[in-house]
Amino acid sequence: MWEEKDNTLVRTFRFADFTEAFGFMTKVAIEAEKMNHHPNWSNVYNQVTIELTTHDAGNVVTDNDRALAAKIDSLV
Protein backbone atom coordinates (compact mmCIF):
# COMPACT_ATOMS: atom_id res chain seq x y z
CA MET A 1 0.00 0.00 0.00
CA TRP A 2 1.30 3.45 -0.86
CA GLU A 3 1.84 5.78 2.07
CA GLU A 4 1.96 9.55 1.72
CA LYS A 5 4.54 11.10 4.02
CA ASP A 6 6.70 14.20 3.81
CA ASN A 7 5.17 15.19 0.45
CA THR A 8 6.15 11.82 -1.05
CA LEU A 9 4.32 8.63 -1.99
CA VAL A 10 6.31 5.68 -0.62
CA ARG A 11 5.92 1.93 -1.01
CA THR A 12 8.18 -1.05 -0.45
CA PHE A 13 7.74 -4.13 -2.61
CA ARG A 14 9.14 -7.57 -1.70
CA PHE A 15 9.84 -10.35 -4.17
CA ALA A 16 11.05 -13.94 -4.12
CA ASP A 17 14.61 -13.01 -5.02
CA PHE A 18 16.90 -10.42 -6.60
CA THR A 19 16.10 -11.44 -10.17
CA GLU A 20 12.38 -10.94 -9.64
CA ALA A 21 12.98 -7.57 -7.95
CA PHE A 22 15.25 -6.42 -10.76
CA GLY A 23 12.74 -7.53 -13.40
CA PHE A 24 10.09 -5.45 -11.64
CA MET A 25 12.42 -2.44 -11.63
CA THR A 26 12.96 -2.86 -15.37
CA LYS A 27 9.20 -2.80 -15.99
CA VAL A 28 8.84 0.28 -13.79
CA ALA A 29 11.68 2.01 -15.62
CA ILE A 30 9.98 1.48 -18.99
CA GLU A 31 6.67 2.89 -17.75
CA ALA A 32 8.35 5.81 -15.95
CA GLU A 33 10.22 6.72 -19.13
CA LYS A 34 6.98 6.64 -21.16
CA MET A 35 5.43 9.03 -18.64
CA ASN A 36 8.62 11.12 -18.34
CA HIS A 37 8.15 10.85 -14.58
CA HIS A 38 10.97 9.08 -12.79
CA PRO A 39 10.98 7.61 -9.27
CA ASN A 40 13.53 7.79 -6.54
CA TRP A 41 14.14 4.19 -5.56
CA SER A 42 16.44 1.71 -3.92
CA ASN A 43 16.94 -2.01 -4.20
CA VAL A 44 18.41 -4.41 -1.66
CA TYR A 45 18.27 -8.06 -2.73
CA ASN A 46 14.52 -8.85 -3.00
CA GLN A 47 13.22 -5.49 -1.79
CA VAL A 48 12.46 -2.38 -3.86
CA THR A 49 11.47 0.89 -2.17
CA ILE A 50 9.97 3.55 -4.42
CA GLU A 51 9.42 7.23 -3.58
CA LEU A 52 7.34 9.44 -5.87
CA THR A 53 7.22 13.22 -5.77
CA THR A 54 7.06 15.87 -8.46
CA HIS A 55 10.22 17.96 -8.40
CA ASP A 56 8.92 20.49 -10.94
CA ALA A 57 5.93 21.25 -8.68
CA GLY A 58 8.08 21.95 -5.64
CA ASN A 59 8.55 18.38 -4.38
CA VAL A 60 4.92 17.63 -3.62
CA VAL A 61 2.65 14.72 -4.56
CA THR A 62 0.71 15.43 -7.76
CA ASP A 63 -1.63 13.56 -10.08
CA ASN A 64 1.48 12.45 -12.02
CA ASP A 65 2.74 10.64 -8.93
CA ARG A 66 -0.62 9.00 -8.32
CA ALA A 67 -0.85 7.91 -11.96
CA LEU A 68 2.63 6.38 -11.87
CA ALA A 69 1.85 4.68 -8.55
CA ALA A 70 -1.26 3.12 -10.08
CA LYS A 71 0.75 1.95 -13.09
CA ILE A 72 3.42 0.47 -10.81
CA ASP A 73 0.73 -1.38 -8.83
CA SER A 74 -0.51 -2.94 -12.08
CA LEU A 75 2.97 -4.39 -12.70
CA VAL A 76 3.09 -6.46 -9.50
PDB file of N, CA and C in Angstrom:
ATOM      1  N   MET A   1       0.839  -1.178   0.000  1.00  0.00           N
ATOM      2  CA  MET A   1       0.000   0.000   0.000  1.00  0.00           C
ATOM      3  C   MET A   1       0.886   1.245   0.000  1.00  0.00           C
ATOM      4  N   TRP A   2       0.559   2.199  -0.827  1.00  0.00           N
ATOM      5  CA  TRP A   2       1.300   3.454  -0.864  1.00  0.00           C
ATOM      6  C   TRP A   2       0.980   4.269   0.374  1.00  0.00           C
ATOM      7  N   GLU A   3       2.005   4.901   0.913  1.00  0.00           N
ATOM      8  CA  GLU A   3       1.838   5.780   2.067  1.00  0.00           C
ATOM      9  C   GLU A   3       2.310   7.169   1.666  1.00  0.00           C
ATOM     10  N   GLU A   4       1.541   8.181   2.001  1.00  0.00           N
ATOM     11  CA  GLU A   4       1.959   9.548   1.721  1.00  0.00           C
ATOM     12  C   GLU A   4       2.572  10.130   2.976  1.00  0.00           C
ATOM     13  N   LYS A   5       3.863  10.481   2.887  1.00  0.00           N
ATOM     14  CA  LYS A   5       4.540  11.105   4.020  1.00  0.00           C
ATOM     15  C   LYS A   5       5.604  12.054   3.508  1.00  0.00           C
ATOM     16  N   ASP A   6       5.715  13.172   4.177  1.00  0.00           N
ATOM     17  CA  ASP A   6       6.695  14.197   3.812  1.00  0.00           C
ATOM     18  C   ASP A   6       6.616  14.570   2.330  1.00  0.00           C
ATOM     19  N   ASN A   7       5.390  14.794   1.839  1.00  0.00           N
ATOM     20  CA  ASN A   7       5.168  15.188   0.445  1.00  0.00           C
ATOM     21  C   ASN A   7       5.713  14.176  -0.566  1.00  0.00           C
ATOM     22  N   THR A   8       5.648  12.900  -0.197  1.00  0.00           N
ATOM     23  CA  THR A   8       6.149  11.824  -1.049  1.00  0.00           C
ATOM     24  C   THR A   8       5.242  10.610  -0.914  1.00  0.00           C
ATOM     25  N   LEU A   9       4.981   9.931  -2.038  1.00  0.00           N
ATOM     26  CA  LEU A   9       4.324   8.628  -1.988  1.00  0.00           C
ATOM     27  C   LEU A   9       5.410   7.576  -1.855  1.00  0.00           C
ATOM     28  N   VAL A  10       5.271   6.679  -0.897  1.00  0.00           N
ATOM     29  CA  VAL A  10       6.310   5.681  -0.617  1.00  0.00           C
ATOM     30  C   VAL A  10       5.672   4.296  -0.548  1.00  0.00           C
ATOM     31  N   ARG A  11       6.341   3.327  -1.146  1.00  0.00           N
ATOM     32  CA  ARG A  11       5.916   1.931  -1.012  1.00  0.00           C
ATOM     33  C   ARG A  11       7.128   1.026  -1.149  1.00  0.00           C
ATOM     34  N   THR A  12       7.145  -0.029  -0.349  1.00  0.00           N
ATOM     35  CA  THR A  12       8.182  -1.050  -0.447  1.00  0.00           C
ATOM     36  C   THR A  12       7.555  -2.330  -0.983  1.00  0.00           C
ATOM     37  N   PHE A  13       8.185  -2.893  -1.990  1.00  0.00           N
ATOM     38  CA  PHE A  13       7.742  -4.135  -2.611  1.00  0.00           C
ATOM     39  C   PHE A  13       8.752  -5.221  -2.270  1.00  0.00           C
ATOM     40  N   ARG A  14       8.262  -6.434  -1.995  1.00  0.00           N
ATOM     41  CA  ARG A  14       9.143  -7.571  -1.702  1.00  0.00           C
ATOM     42  C   ARG A  14       8.866  -8.683  -2.708  1.00  0.00           C
ATOM     43  N   PHE A  15       9.930  -9.312  -3.153  1.00  0.00           N
ATOM     44  CA  PHE A  15       9.844 -10.348  -4.172  1.00  0.00           C
ATOM     45  C   PHE A  15      10.554 -11.610  -3.705  1.00  0.00           C
ATOM     46  N   ALA A  16      10.453 -12.659  -4.487  1.00  0.00           N
ATOM     47  CA  ALA A  16      11.046 -13.944  -4.119  1.00  0.00           C
ATOM     48  C   ALA A  16      12.575 -13.868  -4.053  1.00  0.00           C
ATOM     49  N   ASP A  17      13.160 -13.083  -4.959  1.00  0.00           N
ATOM     50  CA  ASP A  17      14.614 -13.014  -5.024  1.00  0.00           C
ATOM     51  C   ASP A  17      15.048 -11.760  -5.783  1.00  0.00           C
ATOM     52  N   PHE A  18      16.349 -11.602  -5.940  1.00  0.00           N
ATOM     53  CA  PHE A  18      16.902 -10.420  -6.599  1.00  0.00           C
ATOM     54  C   PHE A  18      16.471 -10.329  -8.056  1.00  0.00           C
ATOM     55  N   THR A  19      16.462 -11.457  -8.753  1.00  0.00           N
ATOM     56  CA  THR A  19      16.100 -11.440 -10.169  1.00  0.00           C
ATOM     57  C   THR A  19      14.678 -10.938 -10.371  1.00  0.00           C
ATOM     58  N   GLU A  20      13.758 -11.392  -9.537  1.00  0.00           N
ATOM     59  CA  GLU A  20      12.375 -10.939  -9.641  1.00  0.00           C
ATOM     60  C   GLU A  20      12.264  -9.444  -9.322  1.00  0.00           C
ATOM     61  N   ALA A  21      12.987  -8.989  -8.316  1.00  0.00           N
ATOM     62  CA  ALA A  21      12.976  -7.568  -7.954  1.00  0.00           C
ATOM     63  C   ALA A  21      13.542  -6.725  -9.092  1.00  0.00           C
ATOM     64  N   PHE A  22      14.629  -7.184  -9.680  1.00  0.00           N
ATOM     65  CA  PHE A  22      15.252  -6.424 -10.759  1.00  0.00           C
ATOM     66  C   PHE A  22      14.359  -6.403 -11.994  1.00  0.00           C
ATOM     67  N   GLY A  23      13.682  -7.500 -12.281  1.00  0.00           N
ATOM     68  CA  GLY A  23      12.739  -7.535 -13.397  1.00  0.00           C
ATOM     69  C   GLY A  23      11.613  -6.526 -13.206  1.00  0.00           C
ATOM     70  N   PHE A  24      11.112  -6.435 -11.980  1.00  0.00           N
ATOM     71  CA  PHE A  24      10.094  -5.452 -11.643  1.00  0.00           C
ATOM     72  C   PHE A  24      10.624  -4.040 -11.876  1.00  0.00           C
ATOM     73  N   MET A  25      11.835  -3.767 -11.443  1.00  0.00           N
ATOM     74  CA  MET A  25      12.424  -2.441 -11.632  1.00  0.00           C
ATOM     75  C   MET A  25      12.543  -2.107 -13.115  1.00  0.00           C
ATOM     76  N   THR A  26      12.863  -3.089 -13.928  1.00  0.00           N
ATOM     77  CA  THR A  26      12.964  -2.861 -15.370  1.00  0.00           C
ATOM     78  C   THR A  26      11.614  -2.456 -15.947  1.00  0.00           C
ATOM     79  N   LYS A  27      10.555  -3.153 -15.523  1.00  0.00           N
ATOM     80  CA  LYS A  27       9.204  -2.803 -15.988  1.00  0.00           C
ATOM     81  C   LYS A  27       8.820  -1.387 -15.548  1.00  0.00           C
ATOM     82  N   VAL A  28       9.135  -1.061 -14.299  1.00  0.00           N
ATOM     83  CA  VAL A  28       8.835   0.278 -13.788  1.00  0.00           C
ATOM     84  C   VAL A  28       9.603   1.329 -14.587  1.00  0.00           C
ATOM     85  N   ALA A  29      10.861   1.054 -14.878  1.00  0.00           N
ATOM     86  CA  ALA A  29      11.685   2.011 -15.623  1.00  0.00           C
ATOM     87  C   ALA A  29      11.082   2.304 -16.995  1.00  0.00           C
ATOM     88  N   ILE A  30      10.581   1.281 -17.665  1.00  0.00           N
ATOM     89  CA  ILE A  30       9.982   1.476 -18.991  1.00  0.00           C
ATOM     90  C   ILE A  30       8.742   2.362 -18.888  1.00  0.00           C
ATOM     91  N   GLU A  31       7.883   2.092 -17.919  1.00  0.00           N
ATOM     92  CA  GLU A  31       6.671   2.893 -17.751  1.00  0.00           C
ATOM     93  C   GLU A  31       6.995   4.323 -17.317  1.00  0.00           C
ATOM     94  N   ALA A  32       7.953   4.474 -16.413  1.00  0.00           N
ATOM     95  CA  ALA A  32       8.347   5.810 -15.947  1.00  0.00           C
ATOM     96  C   ALA A  32       8.895   6.637 -17.114  1.00  0.00           C
ATOM     97  N   GLU A  33       9.657   6.012 -17.970  1.00  0.00           N
ATOM     98  CA  GLU A  33      10.220   6.720 -19.125  1.00  0.00           C
ATOM     99  C   GLU A  33       9.104   7.152 -20.077  1.00  0.00           C
ATOM    100  N   LYS A  34       8.119   6.280 -20.292  1.00  0.00           N
ATOM    101  CA  LYS A  34       6.981   6.635 -21.156  1.00  0.00           C
ATOM    102  C   LYS A  34       6.245   7.852 -20.610  1.00  0.00           C
ATOM    103  N   MET A  35       6.139   7.927 -19.283  1.00  0.00           N
ATOM    104  CA  MET A  35       5.425   9.031 -18.636  1.00  0.00           C
ATOM    105  C   MET A  35       6.323  10.244 -18.409  1.00  0.00           C
ATOM    106  N   ASN A  36       7.630  10.088 -18.656  1.00  0.00           N
ATOM    107  CA  ASN A  36       8.619  11.119 -18.343  1.00  0.00           C
ATOM    108  C   ASN A  36       8.473  11.575 -16.883  1.00  0.00           C
ATOM    109  N   HIS A  37       8.314  10.592 -16.019  1.00  0.00           N
ATOM    110  CA  HIS A  37       8.151  10.846 -14.584  1.00  0.00           C
ATOM    111  C   HIS A  37       8.900   9.743 -13.844  1.00  0.00           C
ATOM    112  N   HIS A  38      10.022  10.087 -13.266  1.00  0.00           N
ATOM    113  CA  HIS A  38      10.966   9.081 -12.791  1.00  0.00           C
ATOM    114  C   HIS A  38      11.011   9.004 -11.264  1.00  0.00           C
ATOM    115  N   PRO A  39      11.000   7.784 -10.722  1.00  0.00           N
ATOM    116  CA  PRO A  39      10.982   7.611  -9.271  1.00  0.00           C
ATOM    117  C   PRO A  39      12.361   7.746  -8.649  1.00  0.00           C
ATOM    118  N   ASN A  40      12.353   8.023  -7.368  1.00  0.00           N
ATOM    119  CA  ASN A  40      13.531   7.793  -6.536  1.00  0.00           C
ATOM    120  C   ASN A  40      13.309   6.388  -5.987  1.00  0.00           C
ATOM    121  N   TRP A  41      14.334   5.557  -6.041  1.00  0.00           N
ATOM    122  CA  TRP A  41      14.140   4.191  -5.565  1.00  0.00           C
ATOM    123  C   TRP A  41      15.436   3.579  -5.095  1.00  0.00           C
ATOM    124  N   SER A  42      15.270   2.482  -4.356  1.00  0.00           N
ATOM    125  CA  SER A  42      16.442   1.715  -3.918  1.00  0.00           C
ATOM    126  C   SER A  42      16.087   0.243  -3.971  1.00  0.00           C
ATOM    127  N   ASN A  43      17.109  -0.563  -4.126  1.00  0.00           N
ATOM    128  CA  ASN A  43      16.941  -2.009  -4.198  1.00  0.00           C
ATOM    129  C   ASN A  43      17.983  -2.679  -3.320  1.00  0.00           C
ATOM    130  N   VAL A  44      17.520  -3.553  -2.440  1.00  0.00           N
ATOM    131  CA  VAL A  44      18.407  -4.405  -1.664  1.00  0.00           C
ATOM    132  C   VAL A  44      17.860  -5.821  -1.790  1.00  0.00           C
ATOM    133  N   TYR A  45      18.611  -6.661  -2.446  1.00  0.00           N
ATOM    134  CA  TYR A  45      18.268  -8.056  -2.730  1.00  0.00           C
ATOM    135  C   TYR A  45      16.844  -8.186  -3.292  1.00  0.00           C
ATOM    136  N   ASN A  46      15.868  -8.603  -2.481  1.00  0.00           N
ATOM    137  CA  ASN A  46      14.523  -8.852  -2.997  1.00  0.00           C
ATOM    138  C   ASN A  46      13.543  -7.722  -2.673  1.00  0.00           C
ATOM    139  N   GLN A  47      14.058  -6.599  -2.244  1.00  0.00           N
ATOM    140  CA  GLN A  47      13.216  -5.494  -1.791  1.00  0.00           C
ATOM    141  C   GLN A  47      13.467  -4.246  -2.642  1.00  0.00           C
ATOM    142  N   VAL A  48      12.372  -3.620  -3.086  1.00  0.00           N
ATOM    143  CA  VAL A  48      12.455  -2.381  -3.858  1.00  0.00           C
ATOM    144  C   VAL A  48      11.600  -1.336  -3.154  1.00  0.00           C
ATOM    145  N   THR A  49      12.207  -0.215  -2.785  1.00  0.00           N
ATOM    146  CA  THR A  49      11.474   0.887  -2.174  1.00  0.00           C
ATOM    147  C   THR A  49      11.408   2.024  -3.189  1.00  0.00           C
ATOM    148  N   ILE A  50      10.193   2.498  -3.423  1.00  0.00           N
ATOM    149  CA  ILE A  50       9.971   3.549  -4.416  1.00  0.00           C
ATOM    150  C   ILE A  50       9.385   4.773  -3.721  1.00  0.00           C
ATOM    151  N   GLU A  51       9.920   5.941  -4.070  1.00  0.00           N
ATOM    152  CA  GLU A  51       9.419   7.227  -3.580  1.00  0.00           C
ATOM    153  C   GLU A  51       9.040   8.069  -4.796  1.00  0.00           C
ATOM    154  N   LEU A  52       7.824   8.603  -4.766  1.00  0.00           N
ATOM    155  CA  LEU A  52       7.338   9.438  -5.869  1.00  0.00           C
ATOM    156  C   LEU A  52       6.999  10.826  -5.358  1.00  0.00           C
ATOM    157  N   THR A  53       7.534  11.822  -6.023  1.00  0.00           N
ATOM    158  CA  THR A  53       7.221  13.218  -5.766  1.00  0.00           C
ATOM    159  C   THR A  53       7.504  13.981  -7.057  1.00  0.00           C
ATOM    160  N   THR A  54       6.870  15.106  -7.234  1.00  0.00           N
ATOM    161  CA  THR A  54       7.064  15.872  -8.464  1.00  0.00           C
ATOM    162  C   THR A  54       7.986  17.051  -8.172  1.00  0.00           C
ATOM    163  N   HIS A  55       9.201  16.941  -8.657  1.00  0.00           N
ATOM    164  CA  HIS A  55      10.221  17.965  -8.401  1.00  0.00           C
ATOM    165  C   HIS A  55       9.830  19.304  -9.019  1.00  0.00           C
ATOM    166  N   ASP A  56       9.282  19.258 -10.238  1.00  0.00           N
ATOM    167  CA  ASP A  56       8.924  20.492 -10.942  1.00  0.00           C
ATOM    168  C   ASP A  56       7.797  21.270 -10.261  1.00  0.00           C
ATOM    169  N   ALA A  57       7.043  20.590  -9.384  1.00  0.00           N
ATOM    170  CA  ALA A  57       5.934  21.247  -8.676  1.00  0.00           C
ATOM    171  C   ALA A  57       6.325  21.636  -7.255  1.00  0.00           C
ATOM    172  N   GLY A  58       7.613  21.565  -6.972  1.00  0.00           N
ATOM    173  CA  GLY A  58       8.084  21.950  -5.644  1.00  0.00           C
ATOM    174  C   GLY A  58       8.166  20.795  -4.665  1.00  0.00           C
ATOM    175  N   ASN A  59       8.404  19.582  -5.209  1.00  0.00           N
ATOM    176  CA  ASN A  59       8.552  18.383  -4.377  1.00  0.00           C
ATOM    177  C   ASN A  59       7.309  18.090  -3.554  1.00  0.00           C
ATOM    178  N   VAL A  60       6.186  18.016  -4.244  1.00  0.00           N
ATOM    179  CA  VAL A  60       4.918  17.630  -3.625  1.00  0.00           C
ATOM    180  C   VAL A  60       4.315  16.483  -4.441  1.00  0.00           C
ATOM    181  N   VAL A  61       3.347  15.801  -3.868  1.00  0.00           N
ATOM    182  CA  VAL A  61       2.649  14.724  -4.561  1.00  0.00           C
ATOM    183  C   VAL A  61       1.603  15.335  -5.488  1.00  0.00           C
ATOM    184  N   THR A  62       1.645  14.922  -6.748  1.00  0.00           N
ATOM    185  CA  THR A  62       0.711  15.431  -7.755  1.00  0.00           C
ATOM    186  C   THR A  62      -0.022  14.256  -8.412  1.00  0.00           C
ATOM    187  N   ASP A  63      -0.917  14.592  -9.322  1.00  0.00           N
ATOM    188  CA  ASP A  63      -1.632  13.556 -10.081  1.00  0.00           C
ATOM    189  C   ASP A  63      -0.665  12.683 -10.871  1.00  0.00           C
ATOM    190  N   ASN A  64       0.468  13.249 -11.308  1.00  0.00           N
ATOM    191  CA  ASN A  64       1.475  12.447 -12.023  1.00  0.00           C
ATOM    192  C   ASN A  64       2.015  11.337 -11.133  1.00  0.00           C
ATOM    193  N   ASP A  65       2.244  11.655  -9.867  1.00  0.00           N
ATOM    194  CA  ASP A  65       2.738  10.641  -8.931  1.00  0.00           C
ATOM    195  C   ASP A  65       1.695   9.555  -8.705  1.00  0.00           C
ATOM    196  N   ARG A  66       0.460   9.969  -8.537  1.00  0.00           N
ATOM    197  CA  ARG A  66      -0.616   8.998  -8.320  1.00  0.00           C
ATOM    198  C   ARG A  66      -0.822   8.111  -9.549  1.00  0.00           C
ATOM    199  N   ALA A  67      -0.709   8.693 -10.724  1.00  0.00           N
ATOM    200  CA  ALA A  67      -0.855   7.906 -11.964  1.00  0.00           C
ATOM    201  C   ALA A  67       0.277   6.895 -12.098  1.00  0.00           C
ATOM    202  N   LEU A  68       1.506   7.309 -11.792  1.00  0.00           N
ATOM    203  CA  LEU A  68       2.632   6.383 -11.870  1.00  0.00           C
ATOM    204  C   LEU A  68       2.498   5.310 -10.795  1.00  0.00           C
ATOM    205  N   ALA A  69       2.054   5.665  -9.612  1.00  0.00           N
ATOM    206  CA  ALA A  69       1.852   4.675  -8.549  1.00  0.00           C
ATOM    207  C   ALA A  69       0.840   3.625  -8.990  1.00  0.00           C
ATOM    208  N   ALA A  70      -0.249   4.052  -9.614  1.00  0.00           N
ATOM    209  CA  ALA A  70      -1.262   3.116 -10.085  1.00  0.00           C
ATOM    210  C   ALA A  70      -0.684   2.201 -11.157  1.00  0.00           C
ATOM    211  N   LYS A  71       0.125   2.759 -12.045  1.00  0.00           N
ATOM    212  CA  LYS A  71       0.754   1.951 -13.093  1.00  0.00           C
ATOM    213  C   LYS A  71       1.716   0.940 -12.466  1.00  0.00           C
ATOM    214  N   ILE A  72       2.487   1.368 -11.490  1.00  0.00           N
ATOM    215  CA  ILE A  72       3.418   0.467 -10.809  1.00  0.00           C
ATOM    216  C   ILE A  72       2.648  -0.668 -10.134  1.00  0.00           C
ATOM    217  N   ASP A  73       1.545  -0.347  -9.494  1.00  0.00           N
ATOM    218  CA  ASP A  73       0.729  -1.379  -8.835  1.00  0.00           C
ATOM    219  C   ASP A  73       0.262  -2.440  -9.850  1.00  0.00           C
ATOM    220  N   SER A  74      -0.025  -2.004 -11.059  1.00  0.00           N
ATOM    221  CA  SER A  74      -0.510  -2.944 -12.084  1.00  0.00           C
ATOM    222  C   SER A  74       0.595  -3.890 -12.560  1.00  0.00           C
ATOM    223  N   LEU A  75       1.843  -3.569 -12.251  1.00  0.00           N
ATOM    224  CA  LEU A  75       2.974  -4.388 -12.697  1.00  0.00           C
ATOM    225  C   LEU A  75       3.327  -5.514 -11.723  1.00  0.00           C
ATOM    226  N   VAL A  76       2.753  -5.463 -10.540  1.00  0.00           N
ATOM    227  CA  VAL A  76       3.092  -6.457  -9.504  1.00  0.00           C
ATOM    228  C   VAL A  76       2.352  -7.746  -9.792  1.00  0.00           C
TER     229      VAL A  76
END
